[in-house]
C-alpha atoms as a PDB file:
ATOM      1  CA  MET A   1     -28.035 -13.959   0.857  1.00  0.00           C
ATOM      2  CA  THR A   2     -27.458 -17.188  -1.033  1.00  0.00           C
ATOM      3  CA  PRO A   3     -30.024 -19.025  -3.171  1.00  0.00           C
ATOM      4  CA  GLU A   4     -29.927 -21.938  -0.697  1.00  0.00           C
ATOM      5  CA  GLU A   5     -30.994 -19.631   2.141  1.00  0.00           C
ATOM      6  CA  LEU A   6     -33.843 -18.323   0.004  1.00  0.00           C
ATOM      7  CA  LYS A   7     -35.065 -21.835  -0.819  1.00  0.00           C
ATOM      8  CA  GLN A   8     -35.705 -22.428   2.887  1.00  0.00           C
ATOM      9  CA  ARG A   9     -38.368 -19.699   2.881  1.00  0.00           C
ATOM     10  CA  ASN A  10     -40.687 -21.877   0.726  1.00  0.00           C
ATOM     11  CA  PHE A  11     -41.562 -19.592  -2.175  1.00  0.00           C
ATOM     12  CA  GLU A  12     -42.788 -22.444  -4.412  1.00  0.00           C
ATOM     13  CA  SER A  13     -46.279 -22.422  -2.916  1.00  0.00           C
ATOM     14  CA  ARG A  14     -46.774 -18.819  -4.081  1.00  0.00           C
ATOM     15  CA  PHE A  15     -45.359 -19.167  -7.599  1.00  0.00           C
ATOM     16  CA  VAL A  16     -47.830 -18.739 -10.461  1.00  0.00           C
ATOM     17  CA  PHE A  17     -46.832 -20.525 -13.659  1.00  0.00           C
ATOM     18  CA  SER A  18     -48.268 -20.042 -17.133  1.00  0.00           C
ATOM     19  CA  THR A  19     -47.226 -21.783 -20.332  1.00  0.00           C
ATOM     20  CA  SER A  20     -47.364 -20.843 -23.983  1.00  0.00           C
ATOM     21  CA  ARG A  21     -45.808 -21.803 -27.274  1.00  0.00           C
ATOM     22  CA  SER A  22     -42.156 -20.930 -27.690  1.00  0.00           C
ATOM     23  CA  SER A  23     -40.965 -18.756 -30.526  1.00  0.00           C
ATOM     24  CA  GLY A  24     -38.073 -19.316 -32.868  1.00  0.00           C
ATOM     25  CA  PRO A  25     -36.807 -22.385 -34.691  1.00  0.00           C
ATOM     26  CA  GLY A  26     -37.757 -25.899 -33.652  1.00  0.00           C
ATOM     27  CA  GLY A  27     -40.198 -27.245 -36.188  1.00  0.00           C
ATOM     28  CA  GLN A  28     -43.131 -29.361 -35.063  1.00  0.00           C
ATOM     29  CA  ASN A  29     -42.183 -29.322 -31.386  1.00  0.00           C
ATOM     30  CA  VAL A  30     -42.401 -25.520 -31.211  1.00  0.00           C
ATOM     31  CA  ASN A  31     -45.633 -25.425 -33.200  1.00  0.00           C
ATOM     32  CA  LYS A  32     -47.473 -28.063 -31.136  1.00  0.00           C
ATOM     33  CA  VAL A  33     -46.162 -28.022 -27.559  1.00  0.00           C
ATOM     34  CA  ASN A  34     -46.451 -25.291 -24.911  1.00  0.00           C
ATOM     35  CA  THR A  35     -42.861 -25.348 -23.689  1.00  0.00           C
ATOM     36  CA  ARG A  36     -42.367 -21.665 -22.792  1.00  0.00           C
ATOM     37  CA  VAL A  37     -42.813 -21.153 -19.048  1.00  0.00           C
ATOM     38  CA  GLU A  38     -43.535 -17.851 -17.341  1.00  0.00           C
ATOM     39  CA  LEU A  39     -43.133 -17.501 -13.576  1.00  0.00           C
ATOM     40  CA  ARG A  40     -44.957 -14.730 -11.706  1.00  0.00           C
ATOM     41  CA  TYR A  41     -44.360 -13.878  -8.078  1.00  0.00           C
ATOM     42  CA  ASP A  42     -46.176 -11.061  -6.291  1.00  0.00           C
ATOM     43  CA  ILE A  43     -43.388  -9.261  -4.461  1.00  0.00           C
ATOM     44  CA  ALA A  44     -45.520  -6.308  -3.387  1.00  0.00           C
ATOM     45  CA  ASN A  45     -47.931  -8.497  -1.369  1.00  0.00           C
ATOM     46  CA  SER A  46     -45.404 -11.109  -0.255  1.00  0.00           C
ATOM     47  CA  GLY A  47     -45.158 -11.886   3.435  1.00  0.00           C
ATOM     48  CA  LEU A  48     -41.849 -13.720   2.986  1.00  0.00           C
ATOM     49  CA  PHE A  49     -39.840 -10.529   2.475  1.00  0.00           C
ATOM     50  CA  SER A  50     -39.314  -7.681   4.887  1.00  0.00           C
ATOM     51  CA  GLU A  51     -40.065  -4.140   3.704  1.00  0.00           C
ATOM     52  CA  GLU A  52     -36.334  -3.415   3.259  1.00  0.00           C
ATOM     53  CA  GLU A  53     -35.896  -6.561   1.172  1.00  0.00           C
ATOM     54  CA  LYS A  54     -38.910  -5.661  -0.966  1.00  0.00           C
ATOM     55  CA  GLN A  55     -37.445  -2.205  -1.561  1.00  0.00           C
ATOM     56  CA  LEU A  56     -34.041  -3.652  -2.536  1.00  0.00           C
ATOM     57  CA  ILE A  57     -35.646  -6.115  -4.948  1.00  0.00           C
ATOM     58  CA  THR A  58     -37.911  -3.519  -6.573  1.00  0.00           C
ATOM     59  CA  ASP A  59     -35.002  -1.094  -6.977  1.00  0.00           C
ATOM     60  CA  LYS A  60     -32.569  -3.592  -8.483  1.00  0.00           C
ATOM     61  CA  LEU A  61     -35.043  -5.636 -10.552  1.00  0.00           C
ATOM     62  CA  LYS A  62     -37.449  -2.890 -11.628  1.00  0.00           C
ATOM     63  CA  ASN A  63     -37.243  -3.930 -15.289  1.00  0.00           C
ATOM     64  CA  ARG A  64     -38.681  -7.349 -14.436  1.00  0.00           C
ATOM     65  CA  ILE A  65     -41.502  -6.108 -12.195  1.00  0.00           C
ATOM     66  CA  ASN A  66     -44.801  -5.008 -13.747  1.00  0.00           C
ATOM     67  CA  ASN A  67     -47.197  -2.297 -12.516  1.00  0.00           C
ATOM     68  CA  ASP A  68     -49.041  -4.803 -10.296  1.00  0.00           C
ATOM     69  CA  GLY A  69     -45.833  -5.573  -8.373  1.00  0.00           C
ATOM     70  CA  GLU A  70     -45.369  -8.992  -9.962  1.00  0.00           C
ATOM     71  CA  PHE A  71     -41.865 -10.262 -10.636  1.00  0.00           C
ATOM     72  CA  ILE A  72     -41.885 -12.006 -14.038  1.00  0.00           C
ATOM     73  CA  ILE A  73     -39.322 -14.448 -15.443  1.00  0.00           C
ATOM     74  CA  THR A  74     -39.674 -16.500 -18.618  1.00  0.00           C
ATOM     75  CA  SER A  75     -37.730 -19.361 -20.141  1.00  0.00           C
ATOM     76  CA  GLN A  76     -38.104 -20.993 -23.544  1.00  0.00           C
ATOM     77  CA  SER A  77     -34.599 -22.257 -24.192  1.00  0.00           C
ATOM     78  CA  GLU A  78     -35.202 -25.892 -23.245  1.00  0.00           C
ATOM     79  CA  ARG A  79     -37.137 -28.487 -25.229  1.00  0.00           C
ATOM     80  CA  THR A  80     -39.501 -29.532 -22.442  1.00  0.00           C
ATOM     81  CA  GLN A  81     -41.835 -27.607 -20.194  1.00  0.00           C
ATOM     82  CA  LEU A  82     -40.444 -29.301 -17.091  1.00  0.00           C
ATOM     83  CA  MET A  83     -36.871 -28.247 -17.836  1.00  0.00           C
ATOM     84  CA  ASN A  84     -37.972 -24.673 -18.551  1.00  0.00           C
ATOM     85  CA  LYS A  85     -39.893 -24.648 -15.266  1.00  0.00           C
ATOM     86  CA  ALA A  86     -36.817 -25.796 -13.345  1.00  0.00           C
ATOM     87  CA  LYS A  87     -34.709 -23.188 -15.134  1.00  0.00           C
ATOM     88  CA  VAL A  88     -37.170 -20.404 -14.275  1.00  0.00           C
ATOM     89  CA  ILE A  89     -37.232 -21.372 -10.593  1.00  0.00           C
ATOM     90  CA  GLU A  90     -33.447 -21.478 -10.419  1.00  0.00           C
ATOM     91  CA  ARG A  91     -33.229 -18.100 -12.156  1.00  0.00           C
ATOM     92  CA  PHE A  92     -35.709 -16.641  -9.645  1.00  0.00           C
ATOM     93  CA  TYR A  93     -33.518 -17.644  -6.713  1.00  0.00           C
ATOM     94  CA  GLU A  94     -30.353 -16.358  -8.431  1.00  0.00           C
ATOM     95  CA  LEU A  95     -31.846 -12.960  -9.269  1.00  0.00           C
ATOM     96  CA  VAL A  96     -33.427 -12.425  -5.852  1.00  0.00           C
ATOM     97  CA  SER A  97     -30.287 -13.485  -3.979  1.00  0.00           C
ATOM     98  CA  LYS A  98     -28.171 -11.204  -6.157  1.00  0.00           C
ATOM     99  CA  ALA A  99     -30.574  -8.317  -5.532  1.00  0.00           C
ATOM    100  CA  LEU A 100     -30.519  -8.886  -1.766  1.00  0.00           C
ATOM    101  CA  THR A 101     -26.724  -9.108  -1.582  1.00  0.00           C
ATOM    102  CA  ILE A 102     -25.234  -5.788  -0.573  1.00  0.00           C
ATOM    103  CA  PRO A 103     -21.791  -5.364  -2.151  1.00  0.00           C
ATOM    104  CA  VAL A 104     -18.832  -4.782   0.152  1.00  0.00           C
ATOM    105  CA  LYS A 105     -17.412  -1.282  -0.111  1.00  0.00           C
ATOM    106  CA  ARG A 106     -13.905  -1.165  -1.542  1.00  0.00           C
ATOM    107  CA  ARG A 107     -11.286   0.190   0.803  1.00  0.00           C
ATOM    108  CA  SER A 108      -8.574   2.087  -1.004  1.00  0.00           C
ATOM    109  CA  THR A 109      -5.038   0.863  -0.346  1.00  0.00           C
ATOM    110  CA  ARG A 110      -1.595   1.980  -1.395  1.00  0.00           C
ATOM    111  CA  PRO A 111       0.546  -0.067  -3.766  1.00  0.00           C
ATOM    112  CA  THR A 112       3.131  -2.255  -2.061  1.00  0.00           C
ATOM    113  CA  ILE A 113       6.861  -1.629  -2.485  1.00  0.00           C
ATOM    114  CA  SER A 114       7.290  -4.862  -4.439  1.00  0.00           C
ATOM    115  CA  SER A 115       4.474  -3.935  -6.856  1.00  0.00           C
ATOM    116  CA  LYS A 116       6.119  -0.537  -7.451  1.00  0.00           C
ATOM    117  CA  ILE A 117       9.477  -2.219  -8.132  1.00  0.00           C
ATOM    118  CA  LYS A 118       7.845  -4.733 -10.533  1.00  0.00           C
ATOM    119  CA  ARG A 119       6.084  -1.912 -12.399  1.00  0.00           C
ATOM    120  CA  ILE A 120       9.284   0.119 -12.786  1.00  0.00           C
ATOM    121  CA  GLU A 121      11.249  -2.987 -13.808  1.00  0.00           C
ATOM    122  CA  GLY A 122       8.628  -3.764 -16.457  1.00  0.00           C
ATOM    123  CA  LYS A 123       8.865  -0.202 -17.785  1.00  0.00           C
ATOM    124  CA  ARG A 124      12.683  -0.466 -17.911  1.00  0.00           C
ATOM    125  CA  ILE A 125      12.552  -3.748 -19.838  1.00  0.00           C
ATOM    126  CA  ARG A 126       9.971  -2.345 -22.247  1.00  0.00           C
ATOM    127  CA  GLY A 127      12.177   0.701 -22.816  1.00  0.00           C
ATOM    128  CA  GLN A 128      15.153  -1.561 -23.612  1.00  0.00           C
ATOM    129  CA  ILE A 129      13.074  -3.455 -26.155  1.00  0.00           C
ATOM    130  CA  LYS A 130      12.075  -0.196 -27.831  1.00  0.00           C
ATOM    131  CA  ARG A 131      15.676   1.057 -27.829  1.00  0.00           C
ATOM    132  CA  MET A 132      16.798  -2.158 -29.542  1.00  0.00           C
ATOM    133  CA  ARG A 133      14.445  -1.369 -32.435  1.00  0.00           C
ATOM    134  CA  ASN A 134      16.733   1.473 -33.579  1.00  0.00           C
ATOM    135  CA  LYS A 135      18.396   0.726 -36.896  1.00  0.00           C
ATOM    136  CA  SER A 136      21.861   1.331 -35.505  1.00  0.00           C
ATOM    137  CA  GLY A 137      21.150  -0.852 -32.485  1.00  0.00           C
ATOM    138  CA  GLU A 138      22.567   1.815 -30.198  1.00  0.00           C
ATOM    139  CA  SER A 139      20.587   3.859 -27.748  1.00  0.00           C
ATOM    140  CA  SER A 140      20.279   7.522 -28.656  1.00  0.00           C
ATOM    141  CA  SER A 141      19.650   8.776 -25.099  1.00  0.00           C
ATOM    142  CA  GLU A 142      22.703   7.150 -23.427  1.00  0.00           C
END
């Protein structure tokens, strides 16, 4: 599932935002302005996900979900609260879409004839290079 498909479900009305002061360097701006944004979304009680989707999300993103079933994302990298809010929303859609995407199983295949020939040719050339490193310049095995 892509982030664009998720955006059509209208999650924004159920987002809960809180702001606080950012940590780290930044001088006066960091000390005065609440630029850090925290997004909380209650996945456990959400009606926008099916039970299977909720299970996938809680399994794959369990480190970001608290005991109350809230999915928490924070951002403090930008200088303004608005930019951090946009970044948090975008990150929400990316993480949820990645969690809901089921990876395609790899089917094992055999190497092609041309790939086998290229591999053996590469080994032969490498062997010639190593043989040329002899002090006499002659090959000892031939």
